[in-house]
Amino acid sequence: MKTNCLLLFVSFILVLTFSSFKPIEDRDDRGKFVVVLDAGHGGHDPGNMGNGFKEKDIALKIVLEVGKMIEKNPDIKVVYTRKSDVFVDLFVRGQIANKADADLFVSVHCNAHHSAAHGTETFVLGTHRNQTNFEVAKKENSVIFLESDYEQKYGGFDPNSPESVMSILLSQEEYLDQSIQLASLIQKKFTNRLKRKDRGVKQAGFIVLHQTVMPSVLIETGFLTYKEEGGYLNSSKGQREMSTAVADAILEYKHIIDGNVGEYAFLEDTVHEEETQTQVAAADIHNDITFKIQIAASSKALDPKPYNFKGLDDISRIKEGSLYKYFYSSTSDYNQIKQKEEVAKQKGYKSSFIVAFKDGKKISLAEALKTTAN
């Protein structure tokens, strides 16, 4: 009897102890900003081997350093898709991010090309605008051939088929604005601080981004095939500098999302600027079209009053996904909205841009300007 009582007592203590651990852990992480960091390739997949450098090793070192930096912020939780030299299916990488209910997914890679191409570029999921972007995506997506049962996992997806790539692009539409904003911040850090050649923010059909349901970017930190750049990325100095730039961009992005509604409107993909400019002179009143200036986006619902927007009045707000987007002015006169855009920029909203609505739904600016003007 005493033995049974003792066992029950010990069992009770063990249950009490371990049950108290999990809630504390959950409580500590609850409400944190979750960032999933993904080091490309790994294990039997070395990635590209330009000039003898290993993409998988460089990507992992950069990712671990980024994680160490941003984890210093007590409001951030970092989850890694891999922390060592192991192979992880692209499918699983997305699952890790989704299970973590991540706020961001950041995948790090190194580029390669048979030419003297060099510089950094950051991708978001979207239509490949040219053959070059498609080739970059095809190279990264071809990793699935190293996975078992890839036909079943990816529903017959073929990395070599432009049609297959096009089929995966709609899933990230809700998060495209945020993905582009983070990618823009990353590229600015690389270019302005580190003086790396800026190859821009681009869109392409990466499976690893398609698998996630949150703002996601894929960073090509540079070309290992360009000897000087490969040596830089393979060095401790280069990895430290690139990691710092990425970490700072993530922290700045979080600061914006947390409600610092200021100079960031979340960039939209530029809509054929040359075409727009040629139509400005002829444009006047466009029937059934409403033009507005997007000046800011935030996770917070702010009262659309002048005191919240540097004195600007005529502010409207809509919710898209997890973000509230704020607009200044409203008119069917394109010439007038161009003038209002300058007012917004003078007030400090440097990244503000014109958006168009028809029947209450957002449409592309190019499409709006094709409508007949009075």
Protein backbone atom coordinates (compact mmCIF):
# COMPACT_ATOMS: atom_id res chain seq x y z
CA MET A 1 0.00 0.00 0.00
CA LYS A 2 2.79 2.36 0.97
CA THR A 3 4.54 1.52 -2.29
CA ASN A 4 1.41 2.31 -4.29
CA CYS A 5 0.95 5.60 -2.46
CA LEU A 6 4.55 6.50 -3.09
CA LEU A 7 4.20 5.73 -6.81
CA LEU A 8 1.04 7.80 -7.01
CA PHE A 9 2.74 10.69 -5.22
CA VAL A 10 5.78 10.55 -7.54
CA SER A 11 3.50 10.33 -10.58
CA PHE A 12 1.54 13.34 -9.36
CA ILE A 13 4.75 15.36 -8.90
CA LEU A 14 6.00 14.39 -12.36
CA VAL A 15 2.71 15.32 -14.01
CA LEU A 16 2.57 18.59 -12.10
CA THR A 17 6.18 19.41 -13.00
CA PHE A 18 5.97 18.67 -16.71
CA SER A 19 2.53 20.16 -17.15
CA SER A 20 3.83 23.37 -15.64
CA PHE A 21 6.73 23.52 -18.09
CA LYS A 22 4.68 23.61 -21.28
CA PRO A 23 2.26 26.37 -20.35
CA ILE A 24 5.15 28.55 -19.18
CA GLU A 25 6.88 27.98 -22.51
CA ASP A 26 3.70 28.78 -24.40
CA ARG A 27 3.11 31.80 -22.23
CA ASP A 28 6.61 33.10 -22.92
CA ASP A 29 6.14 32.75 -26.69
CA ARG A 30 2.54 33.90 -26.87
CA GLY A 31 2.22 37.15 -28.79
CA LYS A 32 5.78 37.07 -30.05
CA PHE A 33 6.69 37.99 -33.60
CA VAL A 34 7.73 34.67 -35.16
CA VAL A 35 10.42 34.64 -37.84
CA VAL A 36 11.25 31.42 -39.66
CA LEU A 37 14.78 31.41 -41.07
CA ASP A 38 15.48 28.98 -43.87
CA ALA A 39 19.04 28.11 -44.94
CA GLY A 40 18.79 26.82 -48.50
CA HIS A 41 19.93 23.32 -49.50
CA GLY A 42 21.87 21.13 -47.03
CA GLY A 43 23.00 17.54 -46.56
CA HIS A 44 23.42 15.70 -49.86
CA ASP A 45 22.25 18.86 -51.68
CA PRO A 46 25.21 21.29 -51.65
CA GLY A 47 23.50 23.96 -53.73
CA ASN A 48 25.77 25.67 -56.22
CA MET A 49 29.53 25.18 -55.94
CA GLY A 50 30.82 28.24 -57.77
CA ASN A 51 34.60 28.63 -57.41
CA GLY A 52 34.59 25.72 -54.98
CA PHE A 53 32.46 27.53 -52.39
CA LYS A 54 29.45 25.66 -50.96
CA GLU A 55 26.12 27.45 -51.03
CA LYS A 56 24.65 25.22 -48.31
CA ASP A 57 27.40 26.15 -45.82
CA ILE A 58 27.34 29.89 -46.52
CA ALA A 59 23.54 30.07 -46.32
CA LEU A 60 23.53 28.22 -42.99
CA LYS A 61 26.17 30.47 -41.43
CA ILE A 62 24.32 33.60 -42.49
CA VAL A 63 20.98 32.27 -41.21
CA LEU A 64 22.37 31.28 -37.81
CA GLU A 65 23.97 34.71 -37.41
CA VAL A 66 20.75 36.49 -38.39
CA GLY A 67 18.86 34.42 -35.84
CA LYS A 68 21.34 35.19 -33.09
CA MET A 69 20.98 38.93 -33.79
CA ILE A 70 17.20 39.22 -33.95
CA GLU A 71 16.66 36.91 -30.96
CA LYS A 72 18.14 39.67 -28.81
CA ASN A 73 14.78 41.36 -29.23
CA PRO A 74 12.58 39.82 -26.50
CA ASP A 75 9.50 40.20 -28.69
CA ILE A 76 10.88 37.94 -31.42
CA LYS A 77 10.90 34.15 -31.60
CA VAL A 78 13.15 32.51 -34.22
CA VAL A 79 12.42 29.13 -35.77
CA TYR A 80 14.96 27.46 -38.06
CA THR A 81 14.15 25.01 -40.84
CA ARG A 82 17.64 23.58 -40.27
CA LYS A 83 20.47 24.40 -37.86
CA SER A 84 22.99 21.89 -39.20
CA ASP A 85 24.12 20.29 -42.45
CA VAL A 86 20.98 18.23 -43.12
CA PHE A 87 18.66 17.95 -46.09
CA VAL A 88 15.13 19.28 -45.58
CA ASP A 89 12.40 18.88 -48.21
CA LEU A 90 11.00 22.13 -49.57
CA PHE A 91 7.60 20.78 -48.57
CA VAL A 92 8.72 20.37 -44.97
CA ARG A 93 10.26 23.86 -44.83
CA GLY A 94 6.85 25.33 -45.58
CA GLN A 95 5.21 23.05 -43.04
CA ILE A 96 7.63 24.24 -40.35
CA ALA A 97 6.73 27.86 -41.05
CA ASN A 98 2.99 27.23 -41.15
CA LYS A 99 3.03 25.13 -37.97
CA ALA A 100 4.92 27.91 -36.20
CA ASP A 101 2.21 30.36 -37.32
CA ALA A 102 5.08 32.54 -38.49
CA ASP A 103 4.87 36.25 -39.21
CA LEU A 104 7.76 36.07 -41.67
CA PHE A 105 9.58 33.44 -43.72
CA VAL A 106 13.08 34.32 -44.92
CA SER A 107 14.99 31.89 -47.13
CA VAL A 108 18.72 32.50 -47.79
CA HIS A 109 20.61 31.33 -50.88
CA CYS A 110 23.63 32.11 -53.06
CA ASN A 111 23.40 32.59 -56.80
CA ALA A 112 25.37 31.23 -59.76
CA HIS A 113 25.67 32.11 -63.45
CA HIS A 114 27.97 31.32 -66.35
CA SER A 115 28.57 35.05 -66.96
CA ALA A 116 30.23 37.72 -64.79
CA ALA A 117 26.88 38.46 -63.14
CA HIS A 118 27.12 39.63 -59.53
CA GLY A 119 25.09 41.46 -56.89
CA THR A 120 22.18 40.80 -54.58
CA GLU A 121 18.54 40.25 -55.43
CA THR A 122 15.56 39.38 -53.27
CA PHE A 123 12.58 37.49 -54.61
CA VAL A 124 8.92 37.34 -53.67
CA LEU A 125 6.48 34.86 -55.11
CA GLY A 126 4.97 36.10 -58.33
CA THR A 127 4.88 35.86 -62.08
CA HIS A 128 8.34 35.42 -63.57
CA ARG A 129 8.66 38.59 -65.65
CA ASN A 130 11.40 37.27 -67.87
CA GLN A 131 13.37 34.18 -68.73
CA THR A 132 16.16 35.07 -66.28
CA ASN A 133 13.82 35.08 -63.29
CA PHE A 134 12.31 31.78 -64.45
CA GLU A 135 15.77 30.21 -64.70
CA VAL A 136 16.64 31.28 -61.13
CA ALA A 137 13.40 29.78 -59.83
CA LYS A 138 13.91 26.62 -61.89
CA LYS A 139 17.38 26.13 -60.40
CA GLU A 140 16.13 26.43 -56.80
CA ASN A 141 12.96 24.41 -57.45
CA SER A 142 14.89 21.51 -58.99
CA VAL A 143 15.81 20.47 -55.44
CA ILE A 144 12.52 18.56 -55.33
CA PHE A 145 14.05 15.90 -57.59
CA LEU A 146 16.23 14.93 -54.61
CA GLU A 147 13.14 14.26 -52.50
CA SER A 148 11.30 10.96 -52.31
CA ASP A 149 7.76 10.84 -53.73
CA TYR A 150 8.05 14.41 -55.00
CA GLU A 151 5.32 13.75 -57.59
CA GLN A 152 2.76 13.13 -54.83
CA LYS A 153 4.04 15.88 -52.52
CA TYR A 154 3.85 18.62 -55.13
CA GLY A 155 0.86 17.45 -57.15
CA GLY A 156 2.72 16.86 -60.39
CA PHE A 157 4.59 20.19 -60.27
CA ASP A 158 7.35 20.37 -62.89
CA PRO A 159 10.12 22.95 -62.19
CA ASN A 160 11.00 22.95 -65.89
CA SER A 161 7.52 23.99 -66.96
CA PRO A 162 6.54 27.69 -67.03
CA GLU A 163 2.90 26.55 -66.86
CA SER A 164 3.55 24.70 -63.59
CA VAL A 165 5.26 27.75 -62.13
CA MET A 166 2.34 29.97 -63.12
CA SER A 167 -0.07 27.60 -61.35
CA ILE A 168 1.45 28.17 -57.89
CA LEU A 169 1.41 31.95 -57.79
CA LEU A 170 -2.02 32.83 -56.36
CA SER A 171 -1.47 31.48 -52.84
CA GLN A 172 0.74 34.36 -51.75
CA GLU A 173 -1.34 37.17 -53.26
CA GLU A 174 -2.69 38.22 -49.87
CA TYR A 175 0.84 38.75 -48.54
CA LEU A 176 2.46 40.23 -51.63
CA ASP A 177 2.55 43.83 -50.39
CA GLN A 178 4.26 42.82 -47.16
CA SER A 179 6.68 40.49 -48.92
CA ILE A 180 7.68 43.25 -51.34
CA GLN A 181 8.17 45.68 -48.47
CA LEU A 182 10.51 43.34 -46.59
CA ALA A 183 12.40 42.52 -49.79
CA SER A 184 12.80 46.25 -50.49
CA LEU A 185 14.17 46.88 -47.00
CA ILE A 186 16.66 44.03 -47.39
CA GLN A 187 17.89 45.29 -50.75
CA LYS A 188 18.29 48.82 -49.40
CA LYS A 189 20.46 47.54 -46.54
CA PHE A 190 22.65 45.59 -48.98
CA THR A 191 22.96 48.53 -51.36
CA ASN A 192 23.17 51.60 -49.15
CA ARG A 193 25.18 50.15 -46.29
CA LEU A 194 27.28 47.40 -47.85
CA LYS A 195 27.53 48.92 -51.36
CA ARG A 196 26.62 45.61 -52.97
CA LYS A 197 25.42 45.75 -56.56
CA ASP A 198 21.62 46.04 -56.44
CA ARG A 199 19.84 43.63 -58.78
CA GLY A 200 16.51 44.63 -57.27
CA VAL A 201 13.34 43.08 -55.89
CA LYS A 202 11.94 40.50 -58.28
CA GLN A 203 9.10 38.05 -58.60
CA ALA A 204 9.43 34.38 -59.51
CA GLY A 205 7.74 31.07 -58.83
CA PHE A 206 9.69 29.48 -55.97
CA ILE A 207 8.06 26.39 -54.47
CA VAL A 208 9.51 27.09 -51.02
CA LEU A 209 7.68 30.43 -50.95
CA HIS A 210 4.51 28.89 -52.34
CA GLN A 211 4.37 26.44 -49.42
CA THR A 212 4.07 29.24 -46.85
CA VAL A 213 1.05 31.29 -45.79
CA MET A 214 2.74 34.44 -44.52
CA PRO A 215 4.92 37.22 -45.97
CA SER A 216 7.90 35.39 -47.49
CA VAL A 217 11.10 36.30 -49.31
CA LEU A 218 14.00 34.41 -50.86
CA ILE A 219 17.35 36.21 -50.73
CA GLU A 220 20.09 35.56 -53.28
CA THR A 221 23.02 37.01 -51.33
CA GLY A 222 25.36 37.09 -54.33
CA PHE A 223 27.04 34.98 -57.00
CA LEU A 224 29.56 32.37 -55.90
CA THR A 225 30.56 32.09 -59.55
CA TYR A 226 31.86 35.68 -59.45
CA LYS A 227 35.18 35.09 -57.71
CA GLU A 228 35.41 38.33 -55.74
CA GLU A 229 31.81 38.06 -54.54
CA GLY A 230 32.14 34.36 -53.77
CA GLY A 231 35.20 35.04 -51.66
CA TYR A 232 33.36 37.81 -49.80
CA LEU A 233 30.37 35.57 -49.03
CA ASN A 234 32.66 32.75 -47.93
CA SER A 235 34.51 35.03 -45.50
CA SER A 236 33.60 35.67 -41.86
CA LYS A 237 33.49 39.41 -42.58
CA GLY A 238 31.13 39.02 -45.52
CA GLN A 239 28.81 36.66 -43.65
CA ARG A 240 28.71 38.96 -40.63
CA GLU A 241 27.94 42.04 -42.75
CA MET A 242 25.25 40.30 -44.81
CA SER A 243 23.67 38.85 -41.66
CA THR A 244 23.58 42.25 -39.99
CA ALA A 245 21.90 43.80 -43.03
CA VAL A 246 19.21 41.10 -43.12
CA ALA A 247 18.65 41.26 -39.35
CA ASP A 248 18.30 45.05 -39.42
CA ALA A 249 15.80 44.84 -42.30
CA ILE A 250 13.68 42.33 -40.36
CA LEU A 251 13.73 44.53 -37.25
CA GLU A 252 12.80 47.60 -39.30
CA TYR A 253 9.96 45.69 -40.94
CA LYS A 254 8.65 44.62 -37.52
CA HIS A 255 8.84 48.21 -36.30
CA ILE A 256 6.69 49.31 -39.23
CA ILE A 257 4.13 46.52 -38.76
CA ASP A 258 3.89 47.25 -35.04
CA GLY A 259 2.20 50.52 -35.88
CA ASN A 260 4.85 53.07 -36.72
CA VAL A 261 2.63 54.47 -39.45
CA GLY A 262 5.05 56.86 -41.06
CA GLU A 263 6.96 56.80 -44.29
CA TYR A 264 6.13 53.29 -45.50
CA ALA A 265 3.05 52.56 -47.58
CA PHE A 266 4.08 49.03 -48.67
CA LEU A 267 5.32 49.17 -52.21
CA GLU A 268 3.22 47.86 -55.03
CA ASP A 269 4.78 46.42 -58.13
CA THR A 270 5.39 49.42 -60.38
CA VAL A 271 2.77 49.55 -63.08
CA HIS A 272 4.48 50.27 -66.36
CA GLU A 273 5.66 53.75 -65.40
CA GLU A 274 6.48 54.67 -69.01
CA GLU A 275 2.96 53.78 -70.12
CA THR A 276 1.47 55.75 -67.24
CA GLN A 277 3.45 58.87 -68.02
CA THR A 278 2.41 58.90 -71.67
CA GLN A 279 -1.24 58.88 -70.67
CA VAL A 280 -1.15 61.58 -68.01
CA ALA A 281 -1.63 64.51 -70.37
CA ALA A 282 -4.74 62.99 -71.93
CA ALA A 283 -6.20 61.82 -68.65
CA ASP A 284 -8.80 63.86 -66.83
CA ILE A 285 -11.99 62.46 -65.32
CA HIS A 286 -12.23 58.66 -65.61
CA ASN A 287 -15.77 57.35 -65.37
CA ASP A 288 -16.41 54.72 -62.68
CA ILE A 289 -12.81 54.98 -61.45
CA THR A 290 -11.71 56.30 -58.05
CA PHE A 291 -8.06 57.19 -57.53
CA LYS A 292 -6.50 57.32 -54.05
CA ILE A 293 -3.01 57.68 -52.58
CA GLN A 294 -1.88 54.77 -50.42
CA ILE A 295 0.26 56.39 -47.74
CA ALA A 296 0.64 53.75 -45.04
CA ALA A 297 -0.08 50.23 -43.87
CA SER A 298 -0.14 48.90 -40.34
CA SER A 299 -1.38 46.03 -38.22
CA LYS A 300 -3.13 48.62 -36.05
CA ALA A 301 -6.50 50.18 -36.79
CA LEU A 302 -5.87 53.91 -36.44
CA ASP A 303 -8.59 56.53 -36.45
CA PRO A 304 -8.42 58.12 -39.95
CA LYS A 305 -8.04 61.63 -38.54
CA PRO A 306 -5.49 64.31 -39.53
CA TYR A 307 -3.61 64.09 -36.19
CA ASN A 308 -2.65 60.49 -37.00
CA PHE A 309 -1.44 61.31 -40.52
CA LYS A 310 0.74 64.42 -40.30
CA GLY A 311 -2.19 66.78 -40.79
CA LEU A 312 -3.57 65.17 -43.94
CA ASP A 313 -7.36 65.06 -44.10
CA ASP A 314 -9.66 63.01 -46.35
CA ILE A 315 -8.14 59.77 -45.03
CA SER A 316 -9.82 56.40 -45.63
CA ARG A 317 -8.96 52.94 -44.36
CA ILE A 318 -9.54 49.39 -45.57
CA LYS A 319 -8.42 46.03 -44.20
CA GLU A 320 -6.61 43.58 -46.45
CA GLY A 321 -5.50 40.34 -44.81
CA SER A 322 -3.88 41.20 -41.49
CA LEU A 323 -3.10 44.80 -42.49
CA TYR A 324 -4.98 48.05 -42.41
CA LYS A 325 -4.17 50.22 -45.41
CA TYR A 326 -4.57 53.98 -45.30
CA PHE A 327 -5.40 56.21 -48.25
CA TYR A 328 -5.28 59.95 -48.77
CA SER A 329 -7.73 61.81 -51.03
CA SER A 330 -10.31 60.34 -53.40
CA THR A 331 -11.10 61.56 -56.90
CA SER A 332 -11.82 60.44 -60.45
CA ASP A 333 -9.49 63.13 -61.80
CA TYR A 334 -6.08 61.61 -62.49
CA ASN A 335 -4.35 64.98 -62.80
CA GLN A 336 -5.70 65.99 -59.40
CA ILE A 337 -4.57 62.76 -57.74
CA LYS A 338 -1.06 63.30 -59.13
CA GLN A 339 -1.01 66.67 -57.37
CA LYS A 340 -2.24 65.06 -54.15
CA GLU A 341 0.53 62.48 -54.42
CA GLU A 342 3.08 65.30 -54.33
CA VAL A 343 1.37 66.72 -51.23
CA ALA A 344 1.65 63.35 -49.49
CA LYS A 345 5.34 63.06 -50.37
CA GLN A 346 6.00 66.59 -49.08
CA LYS A 347 4.34 65.59 -45.79
CA GLY A 348 6.88 62.77 -45.44
CA TYR A 349 5.12 59.81 -47.07
CA LYS A 350 7.97 59.26 -49.53
CA SER A 351 6.86 55.78 -50.65
CA SER A 352 3.21 56.73 -51.22
CA PHE A 353 1.69 55.75 -54.56
CA ILE A 354 -1.52 56.01 -56.57
CA VAL A 355 -4.04 53.16 -56.51
CA ALA A 356 -7.23 52.78 -58.49
CA PHE A 357 -10.63 51.34 -57.58
CA LYS A 358 -13.57 50.33 -59.73
CA ASP A 359 -16.88 49.38 -58.13
CA GLY A 360 -15.11 49.31 -54.76
CA LYS A 361 -12.46 46.82 -55.91
CA LYS A 362 -8.78 47.60 -56.45
CA ILE A 363 -7.61 47.36 -60.06
CA SER A 364 -4.25 48.02 -61.66
CA LEU A 365 -3.39 51.61 -62.45
CA ALA A 366 -2.63 50.71 -66.06
CA GLU A 367 -6.10 49.21 -66.42
CA ALA A 368 -7.73 52.28 -64.85
CA LEU A 369 -5.96 54.66 -67.22
CA LYS A 370 -7.21 52.73 -70.23
CA THR A 371 -10.77 53.77 -69.40
CA THR A 372 -12.23 56.61 -71.37
CA ALA A 373 -11.53 60.04 -69.87
CA ASN A 374 -13.89 63.00 -70.18
